[in-house]
Amino acid sequence: MNNTAVHPVDEVLPAPRLAALGLQHVLVMYAGAIAVPLIVGRALKLTPEQVALLISADLFCCGIVTLIQSLGFTKWFGIKLPVMMGVTFAAVGPMVAFANAMPGVDGARAIFGAIIGAGIISMIIAPIVSKLLRFFPPVVTGTIIAIIGISLMRVGVGWAMGGPAPLAQNVDVPKLVAMVDGAKAAAAAASAPVRLAGPIPMVDNPNYGALDNMAVAGAVLIFILLLVKYAKGFVANISVLLGIVAGCAIAIAMGKMNFDKVGKAHWFDVVTPFAFGMPTFDIVMILTMTLVMIVVMIESTGMFLALSDLTGKKISQPELAAGLRTDGLGTLIGGVFNTFPYTSFSQNVGLVGVTGVKSRWVCVAGGVIMIVLGLLPKMAAFVESIPTFVLGGAGLVMFGMVAATGIRILSTVDYKGNRNNLYIVALSIGFGLIPLVAPRWTQQMAHGLHPLLESGILLTAVAAVVLNIFFNGAQGDERGAIEAAKTAEAH
């Protein structure tokens, strides 16, 4: 066969180069890939072993879905472009809301049920979604990506502080007991109802905002910034991962990180479906996750069009639908194997443009590496054992970059010629901030609606789409969507 007839996307490189380039793709996405199971697992208050299981399942499914997307599986699945698949940050807000409402294994089973349902629906509607790009111009996608980063910053700050904001103080039990006893005595003497004399006494939690932990988080952040400024090429691309490694070294030296759980973990184990039990299905949760998946698939559409532009391989409408259908299939696989919704990782799309290597077989090699990592429980146990304050410094960079990416996309929007775009951005971000500044704003509403309304990401997505249709109609901007996808380097 004449090699000149082979498109660069389909070129099979020598095995050593494939392995090296595949590992490069894995390292670029690794920090983002492990972030979501850590966030959701800890929000669910799962045991360290269960969180490690989520990490193994995530890496394993990343590999499986990447193979389907890059290799192709029948004409119905796979875009057959150099795509690395990973868990989307867009689903974190709703999943954390689910976890807060129903922690533990029961909450995990409900989340996996919602993910399975959303995956099935996503596969069905993929051909329709592939035609909806005109409803998601840069003013919409940029606003959504910005609010994803802003919402996740709360998680990053919580990691650096040692936990979410409610952990800053604990109930002062001795004072509360004395207050209750005094109130009972006063009520008995006056033959009146028991009333506390004041608010519940609280005491500061010494583990929250501990200065030594914050210093480690700051050191991780500084190390990452130094790498970004002074390192070049591949090292700069994996600066967040190297920052986490440096933070682990500092934590070990301070005696704040140990390998007890790593030592107990198996060297090899198979990821099994439904490890938390059979999933449960709630229609509101499924619809919530389906809305997330529509946003995710629109974002993937932009990524696929950008990759088509970068690689010079044109994709047809059926091929685009096959790629989006794989987002749904990957999400279904994720729900079955105890993990989360999947999408193409934008930083890996950026890596294709930076390296100029267009072969999809590089991502196939990366998928194989991810599968192997998912079968090594010791690796997952090591990741789970990383102290949260180490992740805090890295989280500020990761999640801040997501917000900055949205802002950069919004910088391409025409505000002078169309002032209405200002109102779209302003109001959509305002709606997205409601759950952040008023976490209990839904307390007078039907409980079944809480998971939907407590996600700032979903509120922003709905508001941005509706406002854009109201002000701008359904005007298509495919070129703008492609350019916006090219600017996205953080997912």
Protein backbone atom coordinates (compact mmCIF):
# COMPACT_ATOMS: atom_id res chain seq x y z
CA MET A 1 0.00 0.00 0.00
CA ASN A 2 1.32 3.46 -0.93
CA ASN A 3 1.81 5.53 2.23
CA THR A 4 1.13 8.75 0.32
CA ALA A 5 -2.49 7.63 -0.02
CA VAL A 6 -2.94 7.39 3.75
CA HIS A 7 -4.39 10.46 5.42
CA PRO A 8 -2.26 11.70 8.36
CA VAL A 9 -5.20 10.96 10.69
CA ASP A 10 -5.07 7.27 9.72
CA GLU A 11 -1.27 6.94 9.67
CA VAL A 12 0.08 4.22 11.98
CA LEU A 13 3.34 5.46 13.51
CA PRO A 14 6.18 3.16 14.72
CA ALA A 15 5.32 1.48 18.03
CA PRO A 16 7.93 3.30 20.21
CA ARG A 17 6.78 6.69 18.94
CA LEU A 18 3.13 5.72 19.37
CA ALA A 19 3.77 4.73 22.98
CA ALA A 20 5.68 7.93 23.78
CA LEU A 21 3.12 10.22 22.14
CA GLY A 22 0.24 8.27 23.71
CA LEU A 23 1.83 8.67 27.16
CA GLN A 24 2.17 12.39 26.47
CA HIS A 25 -1.59 12.62 25.85
CA VAL A 26 -2.28 10.67 29.06
CA LEU A 27 -0.05 12.90 31.19
CA VAL A 28 -1.62 16.08 29.77
CA MET A 29 -5.12 14.92 30.77
CA TYR A 30 -4.31 12.93 33.92
CA ALA A 31 -4.76 15.69 36.50
CA GLY A 32 -8.14 16.63 35.03
CA ALA A 33 -9.20 12.99 34.72
CA ILE A 34 -8.68 12.18 38.41
CA ALA A 35 -10.22 15.44 39.68
CA VAL A 36 -13.88 14.53 39.15
CA PRO A 37 -13.91 11.16 41.01
CA LEU A 38 -12.05 12.85 43.87
CA ILE A 39 -14.59 15.70 44.03
CA VAL A 40 -17.69 13.52 43.76
CA GLY A 41 -16.36 10.66 45.90
CA ARG A 42 -15.55 13.00 48.76
CA ALA A 43 -18.84 14.88 48.34
CA LEU A 44 -20.59 11.51 48.73
CA LYS A 45 -18.54 10.89 51.90
CA LEU A 46 -17.38 7.52 50.57
CA THR A 47 -14.59 5.54 52.23
CA PRO A 48 -11.03 5.92 50.87
CA GLU A 49 -11.30 2.46 49.32
CA GLN A 50 -14.52 3.42 47.53
CA VAL A 51 -12.99 6.67 46.24
CA ALA A 52 -10.01 4.68 44.96
CA LEU A 53 -12.48 2.41 43.16
CA LEU A 54 -14.04 5.48 41.48
CA ILE A 55 -10.58 6.56 40.30
CA SER A 56 -9.73 3.12 38.88
CA ALA A 57 -13.11 2.94 37.15
CA ASP A 58 -12.62 6.43 35.73
CA LEU A 59 -9.20 5.66 34.24
CA PHE A 60 -10.42 2.32 32.88
CA CYS A 61 -13.47 3.86 31.21
CA CYS A 62 -11.41 6.79 29.89
CA GLY A 63 -9.38 4.20 27.99
CA ILE A 64 -12.38 2.19 26.76
CA VAL A 65 -14.29 5.24 25.49
CA THR A 66 -11.15 6.73 23.92
CA LEU A 67 -10.66 3.52 21.93
CA ILE A 68 -14.27 3.59 20.73
CA GLN A 69 -14.02 7.26 19.75
CA SER A 70 -10.64 7.09 18.00
CA LEU A 71 -10.82 3.60 16.48
CA GLY A 72 -14.51 3.62 15.65
CA PHE A 73 -16.97 0.86 16.45
CA THR A 74 -19.32 0.17 13.53
CA LYS A 75 -20.59 3.16 11.58
CA TRP A 76 -22.69 4.30 14.54
CA PHE A 77 -19.93 5.02 17.07
CA GLY A 78 -16.62 6.86 16.87
CA ILE A 79 -15.51 10.08 15.17
CA LYS A 80 -12.23 8.37 14.10
CA LEU A 81 -10.14 11.44 14.92
CA PRO A 82 -7.34 11.90 17.52
CA VAL A 83 -9.61 12.32 20.55
CA MET A 84 -8.91 11.56 24.22
CA MET A 85 -12.08 11.07 26.26
CA GLY A 86 -12.41 12.01 29.92
CA VAL A 87 -14.99 12.86 32.57
CA THR A 88 -16.50 16.29 31.97
CA PHE A 89 -16.37 19.02 34.62
CA ALA A 90 -19.79 20.21 33.39
CA ALA A 91 -21.49 17.39 35.31
CA VAL A 92 -19.74 18.11 38.62
CA GLY A 93 -22.22 20.74 39.85
CA PRO A 94 -25.34 18.56 39.52
CA MET A 95 -23.53 15.48 40.87
CA VAL A 96 -22.27 17.34 43.94
CA ALA A 97 -25.84 18.63 44.49
CA PHE A 98 -27.06 15.01 44.31
CA ALA A 99 -24.31 13.94 46.71
CA ASN A 100 -25.15 16.64 49.25
CA ALA A 101 -28.82 15.63 49.18
CA MET A 102 -28.11 11.90 49.44
CA PRO A 103 -24.57 11.00 50.58
CA GLY A 104 -23.13 7.50 50.78
CA VAL A 105 -23.63 4.42 48.63
CA ASP A 106 -27.32 5.19 48.07
CA GLY A 107 -26.36 8.56 46.61
CA ALA A 108 -23.74 6.93 44.39
CA ARG A 109 -26.29 4.45 43.06
CA ALA A 110 -28.72 7.29 42.32
CA ILE A 111 -26.01 9.24 40.48
CA PHE A 112 -25.02 6.19 38.41
CA GLY A 113 -28.69 5.60 37.56
CA ALA A 114 -29.04 9.19 36.37
CA ILE A 115 -25.87 8.81 34.29
CA ILE A 116 -27.08 5.57 32.69
CA GLY A 117 -30.43 7.15 31.83
CA ALA A 118 -28.79 10.27 30.42
CA GLY A 119 -26.37 8.13 28.39
CA ILE A 120 -29.20 6.19 26.75
CA ILE A 121 -31.15 9.37 25.96
CA SER A 122 -27.97 11.03 24.63
CA MET A 123 -27.36 8.20 22.16
CA ILE A 124 -30.93 8.55 20.89
CA ILE A 125 -30.82 12.33 20.45
CA ALA A 126 -27.22 12.56 19.15
CA PRO A 127 -28.28 13.08 15.48
CA ILE A 128 -30.60 15.91 16.58
CA VAL A 129 -27.98 17.55 18.80
CA SER A 130 -25.48 17.47 15.92
CA LYS A 131 -27.75 19.98 14.16
CA LEU A 132 -28.15 22.34 17.15
CA LEU A 133 -24.79 24.09 16.92
CA ARG A 134 -26.46 27.32 15.79
CA PHE A 135 -28.07 27.63 19.22
CA PHE A 136 -24.63 27.58 20.90
CA PRO A 137 -22.53 30.42 19.46
CA PRO A 138 -19.40 31.57 21.36
CA VAL A 139 -21.46 33.96 23.52
CA VAL A 140 -23.30 30.90 24.90
CA THR A 141 -20.45 28.36 25.10
CA GLY A 142 -18.02 30.92 26.53
CA THR A 143 -20.48 31.88 29.27
CA ILE A 144 -21.17 28.23 30.16
CA ILE A 145 -17.47 27.32 30.32
CA ALA A 146 -16.75 30.41 32.44
CA ILE A 147 -19.43 29.51 35.01
CA ILE A 148 -18.16 25.91 35.12
CA GLY A 149 -14.77 27.22 36.21
CA ILE A 150 -16.27 29.74 38.65
CA SER A 151 -18.45 27.03 40.22
CA LEU A 152 -15.51 24.64 40.57
CA MET A 153 -13.33 27.27 42.24
CA ARG A 154 -15.36 26.65 45.39
CA VAL A 155 -14.07 23.07 45.31
CA GLY A 156 -10.46 24.18 44.77
CA VAL A 157 -10.60 26.68 47.63
CA GLY A 158 -12.25 24.02 49.84
CA TRP A 159 -9.38 21.63 49.08
CA ALA A 160 -6.81 24.26 50.09
CA MET A 161 -8.73 25.10 53.28
CA GLY A 162 -9.18 21.48 54.34
CA GLY A 163 -12.84 21.04 53.44
CA PRO A 164 -15.99 22.93 52.38
CA ALA A 165 -16.95 26.16 54.15
CA PRO A 166 -19.41 24.55 56.65
CA LEU A 167 -16.45 22.72 58.23
CA ALA A 168 -14.86 25.99 59.37
CA GLN A 169 -16.65 25.72 62.72
CA ASN A 170 -17.98 22.94 64.94
CA VAL A 171 -20.72 23.03 67.54
CA ASP A 172 -19.30 23.84 71.00
CA VAL A 173 -20.98 20.87 72.70
CA PRO A 174 -20.18 21.73 76.36
CA LYS A 175 -21.52 25.27 75.96
CA LEU A 176 -24.59 24.02 74.10
CA VAL A 177 -25.33 21.48 76.88
CA ALA A 178 -24.97 24.22 79.52
CA MET A 179 -27.20 26.52 77.48
CA VAL A 180 -29.89 23.85 77.11
CA ASP A 181 -29.78 22.97 80.82
CA GLY A 182 -30.10 26.66 81.72
CA ALA A 183 -33.01 27.12 79.30
CA LYS A 184 -34.79 24.07 80.76
CA ALA A 185 -34.34 25.35 84.32
CA ALA A 186 -35.60 28.82 83.40
CA ALA A 187 -38.59 27.35 81.55
CA ALA A 188 -39.47 25.08 84.51
CA ALA A 189 -39.34 28.00 86.95
CA ALA A 190 -41.55 30.17 84.76
CA SER A 191 -43.78 27.34 83.51
CA ALA A 192 -42.96 28.44 79.95
CA PRO A 193 -41.73 26.69 76.79
CA VAL A 194 -37.99 25.95 76.54
CA ARG A 195 -36.20 28.68 74.55
CA LEU A 196 -32.48 29.00 73.95
CA ALA A 197 -31.05 32.34 75.03
CA GLY A 198 -29.05 32.82 71.84
CA PRO A 199 -27.61 31.16 68.73
CA ILE A 200 -25.99 27.74 68.93
CA PRO A 201 -22.43 28.27 70.24
CA MET A 202 -19.70 27.40 67.75
CA VAL A 203 -15.95 26.90 68.02
CA ASP A 204 -13.37 27.25 65.27
CA ASN A 205 -12.21 24.00 63.66
CA PRO A 206 -8.39 23.89 64.11
CA ASN A 207 -8.02 21.76 60.96
CA TYR A 208 -9.79 24.29 58.74
CA GLY A 209 -7.50 26.88 57.16
CA ALA A 210 -4.47 25.46 58.98
CA LEU A 211 -1.52 27.65 58.02
CA ASP A 212 0.88 24.77 57.34
CA ASN A 213 -1.62 23.12 54.99
CA MET A 214 -2.28 26.41 53.21
CA ALA A 215 1.47 26.88 52.87
CA VAL A 216 1.74 23.55 51.02
CA ALA A 217 -1.14 24.54 48.74
CA GLY A 218 0.63 27.85 48.08
CA ALA A 219 3.90 26.04 47.35
CA VAL A 220 2.13 23.81 44.81
CA LEU A 221 0.63 26.87 43.16
CA ILE A 222 4.00 28.68 43.02
CA PHE A 223 5.73 25.58 41.60
CA ILE A 224 3.13 25.32 38.84
CA LEU A 225 3.48 29.01 38.00
CA LEU A 226 7.29 28.69 37.80
CA LEU A 227 6.94 25.75 35.41
CA VAL A 228 4.43 27.65 33.29
CA LYS A 229 6.76 30.65 33.07
CA TYR A 230 10.16 28.99 32.65
CA ALA A 231 9.54 25.46 31.31
CA LYS A 232 8.90 24.76 27.65
CA GLY A 233 6.86 22.34 25.58
CA PHE A 234 5.82 19.08 27.19
CA VAL A 235 6.97 19.98 30.72
CA ALA A 236 4.91 23.17 30.63
CA ASN A 237 1.90 21.18 29.40
CA ILE A 238 2.02 18.85 32.42
CA SER A 239 2.85 21.59 34.95
CA VAL A 240 -0.28 20.85 37.05
CA LEU A 241 0.58 17.16 37.32
CA LEU A 242 4.20 17.97 38.26
CA GLY A 243 2.91 20.48 40.82
CA ILE A 244 0.82 17.76 42.48
CA VAL A 245 3.90 15.47 42.56
CA ALA A 246 5.96 18.24 44.18
CA GLY A 247 3.21 18.87 46.73
CA CYS A 248 3.14 15.17 47.59
CA ALA A 249 6.89 15.26 48.20
CA ILE A 250 6.48 18.20 50.59
CA ALA A 251 3.56 16.50 52.38
CA ILE A 252 5.58 13.29 52.80
CA ALA A 253 8.53 15.27 54.24
CA MET A 254 6.14 16.95 56.70
CA GLY A 255 4.66 13.60 57.73
CA LYS A 256 1.25 14.56 56.33
CA MET A 257 1.03 11.83 53.69
CA ASN A 258 1.61 8.12 54.07
CA PHE A 259 1.28 5.04 51.90
CA ASP A 260 -0.62 2.73 54.24
CA LYS A 261 -3.60 2.47 51.88
CA VAL A 262 -1.27 2.05 48.88
CA GLY A 263 0.45 -0.87 50.59
CA LYS A 264 -2.86 -2.60 51.27
CA ALA A 265 -4.16 -2.16 47.71
CA HIS A 266 -3.82 -4.96 45.14
CA TRP A 267 -1.33 -4.69 42.31
CA PHE A 268 -3.94 -5.75 39.77
CA ASP A 269 -7.72 -5.95 39.84
CA VAL A 270 -10.55 -5.94 37.34
CA VAL A 271 -13.04 -3.07 37.28
CA THR A 272 -16.47 -4.67 37.72
CA PRO A 273 -19.86 -3.18 36.79
CA PHE A 274 -22.32 -2.11 39.49
CA ALA A 275 -19.72 -2.38 42.27
CA PHE A 276 -21.93 -0.18 44.48
CA GLY A 277 -25.05 -2.27 43.80
CA MET A 278 -27.80 -1.86 41.26
CA PRO A 279 -28.40 1.80 40.34
CA THR A 280 -31.61 3.60 41.18
CA PHE A 281 -33.43 5.80 38.69
CA ASP A 282 -34.99 9.18 39.42
CA ILE A 283 -36.65 10.97 36.50
CA VAL A 284 -35.67 14.48 37.64
CA MET A 285 -32.04 13.44 38.11
CA ILE A 286 -32.02 11.76 34.69
CA LEU A 287 -33.45 14.86 33.02
CA THR A 288 -30.92 17.03 34.84
CA MET A 289 -28.01 14.91 33.61
CA THR A 290 -29.53 14.84 30.12
CA LEU A 291 -29.47 18.65 30.03
CA VAL A 292 -25.81 18.48 31.06
CA MET A 293 -25.14 15.98 28.27
CA ILE A 294 -26.77 18.24 25.66
CA VAL A 295 -24.37 21.01 26.69
CA VAL A 296 -21.48 18.51 26.66
CA MET A 297 -22.37 17.25 23.18
CA ILE A 298 -22.61 20.78 21.82
CA GLU A 299 -19.14 21.45 23.24
CA SER A 300 -17.94 18.19 21.66
CA THR A 301 -19.37 19.32 18.33
CA GLY A 302 -17.13 22.37 18.46
CA MET A 303 -14.16 20.20 19.41
CA PHE A 304 -14.78 17.77 16.54
CA LEU A 305 -15.13 20.60 14.03
CA ALA A 306 -11.92 22.15 15.37
CA LEU A 307 -10.12 18.81 15.04
CA SER A 308 -11.43 18.45 11.50
CA ASP A 309 -9.98 21.87 10.75
CA LEU A 310 -6.64 21.08 12.45
CA THR A 311 -6.17 17.70 10.79
CA GLY A 312 -7.57 18.59 7.40
CA LYS A 313 -10.01 15.66 7.48
CA LYS A 314 -13.54 16.74 6.73
CA ILE A 315 -16.31 15.05 8.70
CA SER A 316 -19.83 14.45 7.46
CA GLN A 317 -23.06 14.89 9.40
CA PRO A 318 -23.35 11.11 10.05
CA GLU A 319 -19.74 11.01 11.28
CA LEU A 320 -20.41 13.95 13.60
CA ALA A 321 -23.50 12.17 14.92
CA ALA A 322 -21.38 9.01 15.48
CA GLY A 323 -18.93 11.04 17.55
CA LEU A 324 -21.69 12.55 19.67
CA ARG A 325 -23.38 9.16 20.02
CA THR A 326 -20.09 7.95 21.52
CA ASP A 327 -20.39 10.66 24.19
CA GLY A 328 -23.70 9.03 25.10
CA LEU A 329 -22.30 5.49 24.91
CA GLY A 330 -19.32 6.51 27.03
CA THR A 331 -21.66 8.01 29.60
CA LEU A 332 -23.71 4.80 29.64
CA ILE A 333 -20.51 2.75 30.08
CA GLY A 334 -19.47 5.15 32.86
CA GLY A 335 -22.72 4.63 34.76
CA VAL A 336 -22.42 0.85 34.45
CA PHE A 337 -18.78 0.81 35.58
CA ASN A 338 -19.21 3.20 38.54
CA THR A 339 -18.00 6.43 36.97
CA PHE A 340 -19.27 9.56 35.26
CA PRO A 341 -20.21 11.30 31.95
CA TYR A 342 -17.57 11.45 29.22
CA THR A 343 -16.56 13.99 26.60
CA SER A 344 -13.54 14.90 24.48
CA PHE A 345 -10.81 16.60 26.52
CA SER A 346 -10.07 20.01 25.05
CA GLN A 347 -6.47 20.18 26.28
CA ASN A 348 -5.72 17.12 24.17
CA VAL A 349 -7.30 18.80 21.15
CA GLY A 350 -4.92 21.67 21.83
CA LEU A 351 -2.02 19.22 22.03
CA VAL A 352 -2.79 18.02 18.49
CA GLY A 353 -2.41 21.60 17.29
CA VAL A 354 0.80 22.15 19.31
CA THR A 355 2.60 18.94 18.28
CA GLY A 356 1.25 18.73 14.75
CA VAL A 357 0.81 14.94 15.17
CA LYS A 358 -2.55 14.14 13.58
CA SER A 359 -2.63 10.34 13.84
CA ARG A 360 -5.63 8.95 15.72
CA TRP A 361 -3.52 5.89 16.56
CA VAL A 362 -1.63 8.04 19.07
CA CYS A 363 -4.88 8.42 21.03
CA VAL A 364 -5.54 4.70 20.60
CA ALA A 365 -2.18 4.11 22.33
CA GLY A 366 -3.19 6.63 25.02
CA GLY A 367 -6.47 4.74 25.51
CA VAL A 368 -4.60 1.47 26.04
CA ILE A 369 -2.37 3.15 28.64
CA MET A 370 -5.43 4.48 30.48
CA ILE A 371 -6.98 1.01 30.57
CA VAL A 372 -3.78 -0.41 32.08
CA LEU A 373 -3.71 2.37 34.72
CA GLY A 374 -7.33 1.58 35.57
CA LEU A 375 -6.40 -2.02 36.31
CA LEU A 376 -3.75 -1.00 38.88
CA PRO A 377 -5.49 -0.35 42.22
CA LYS A 378 -2.22 0.81 43.81
CA MET A 379 -2.20 3.75 41.42
CA ALA A 380 -5.76 4.69 42.40
CA ALA A 381 -4.94 4.25 46.10
CA PHE A 382 -1.96 6.59 45.70
CA VAL A 383 -4.13 9.25 44.06
CA GLU A 384 -6.78 8.91 46.78
CA SER A 385 -4.14 9.30 49.50
CA ILE A 386 -3.04 12.70 48.19
CA PRO A 387 -3.97 15.25 50.89
CA THR A 388 -6.68 17.68 49.85
CA PHE A 389 -4.49 20.71 50.57
CA VAL A 390 -1.99 19.47 47.97
CA LEU A 391 -4.81 19.27 45.45
CA GLY A 392 -5.93 22.75 46.52
CA GLY A 393 -3.02 24.55 44.90
CA ALA A 394 -3.47 22.55 41.70
CA GLY A 395 -7.26 22.95 41.80
CA LEU A 396 -6.99 26.74 41.79
CA VAL A 397 -4.99 26.49 38.56
CA MET A 398 -7.13 23.78 36.91
CA PHE A 399 -10.49 25.30 37.68
CA GLY A 400 -9.27 28.85 37.20
CA MET A 401 -8.04 27.88 33.73
CA VAL A 402 -11.51 26.57 32.91
CA ALA A 403 -13.00 29.96 33.85
CA ALA A 404 -10.23 31.79 31.96
CA THR A 405 -10.91 29.68 28.88
CA GLY A 406 -14.55 30.75 28.95
CA ILE A 407 -13.48 34.39 29.32
CA ARG A 408 -11.10 34.03 26.38
CA ILE A 409 -13.90 32.61 24.22
CA LEU A 410 -16.12 35.50 25.31
CA SER A 411 -13.40 37.92 24.21
CA THR A 412 -14.10 36.89 20.61
CA VAL A 413 -17.76 37.94 20.88
CA ASP A 414 -18.94 41.14 19.16
CA TYR A 415 -20.19 43.51 21.87
CA LYS A 416 -19.92 46.81 19.98
CA GLY A 417 -22.03 45.79 17.00
CA ASN A 418 -24.45 43.80 19.16
CA ARG A 419 -24.87 45.19 22.68
CA ASN A 420 -27.45 42.50 23.41
CA ASN A 421 -24.57 40.05 23.86
CA LEU A 422 -23.63 41.96 27.02
CA TYR A 423 -27.06 41.21 28.48
CA ILE A 424 -26.75 37.51 27.56
CA VAL A 425 -23.43 37.19 29.39
CA ALA A 426 -24.42 39.35 32.36
CA LEU A 427 -27.74 37.70 33.11
CA SER A 428 -26.55 34.15 32.41
CA ILE A 429 -23.62 34.49 34.82
CA GLY A 430 -25.95 36.11 37.33
CA PHE A 431 -28.30 33.12 37.21
CA GLY A 432 -25.32 30.77 37.52
CA LEU A 433 -24.13 32.51 40.69
CA ILE A 434 -27.46 32.16 42.52
CA PRO A 435 -26.66 28.71 44.03
CA LEU A 436 -23.20 29.94 45.04
CA VAL A 437 -24.29 33.06 46.90
CA ALA A 438 -27.66 31.72 48.13
CA PRO A 439 -27.22 27.93 48.57
CA ARG A 440 -30.67 27.52 50.16
CA TRP A 441 -32.62 29.55 47.61
CA THR A 442 -34.71 26.49 46.68
CA GLN A 443 -35.89 25.65 50.21
CA GLN A 444 -39.48 26.79 49.50
CA MET A 445 -39.65 24.83 46.23
CA ALA A 446 -40.55 21.21 45.50
CA HIS A 447 -37.75 18.97 46.74
CA GLY A 448 -37.61 17.04 43.47
CA LEU A 449 -36.50 20.21 41.65
CA HIS A 450 -33.56 20.90 43.95
CA PRO A 451 -30.89 18.96 42.00
CA LEU A 452 -31.83 20.86 38.86
CA LEU A 453 -32.02 24.31 40.45
CA GLU A 454 -28.95 23.94 42.67
CA SER A 455 -26.62 23.65 39.68
CA GLY A 456 -25.34 27.02 38.57
CA ILE A 457 -23.98 25.41 35.42
CA LEU A 458 -27.42 24.25 34.31
CA LEU A 459 -29.03 27.58 35.20
CA THR A 460 -26.41 29.38 33.14
CA ALA A 461 -26.79 27.00 30.19
CA VAL A 462 -30.57 27.37 30.06
CA ALA A 463 -30.45 31.15 30.55
CA ALA A 464 -27.74 31.66 27.92
CA VAL A 465 -29.53 29.58 25.27
CA VAL A 466 -32.93 31.21 25.92
CA LEU A 467 -31.52 34.75 26.02
CA ASN A 468 -29.47 34.16 22.86
CA ILE A 469 -32.58 32.96 21.02
CA PHE A 470 -34.53 35.95 22.36
CA PHE A 471 -31.94 38.54 21.33
CA ASN A 472 -30.17 36.95 18.36
CA GLY A 473 -32.51 34.26 17.05
CA ALA A 474 -31.06 30.96 15.83
CA GLN A 475 -28.34 32.38 13.61
CA GLY A 476 -25.63 29.86 12.83
CA ASP A 477 -21.96 30.64 13.56
CA GLU A 478 -20.07 27.44 12.76
CA ARG A 479 -16.78 29.23 12.12
CA GLY A 480 -17.07 31.03 15.45
CA ALA A 481 -17.74 27.71 17.21
CA ILE A 482 -14.66 26.18 15.60
CA GLU A 483 -12.43 29.07 16.59
CA ALA A 484 -13.86 29.00 20.11
CA ALA A 485 -13.06 25.30 20.39
CA LYS A 486 -9.49 25.93 19.24
CA THR A 487 -8.97 28.43 22.06
CA ALA A 488 -10.14 25.96 24.72
CA GLU A 489 -7.13 24.48 26.52
CA ALA A 490 -8.78 23.62 29.82
CA HIS A 491 -11.79 21.41 30.28
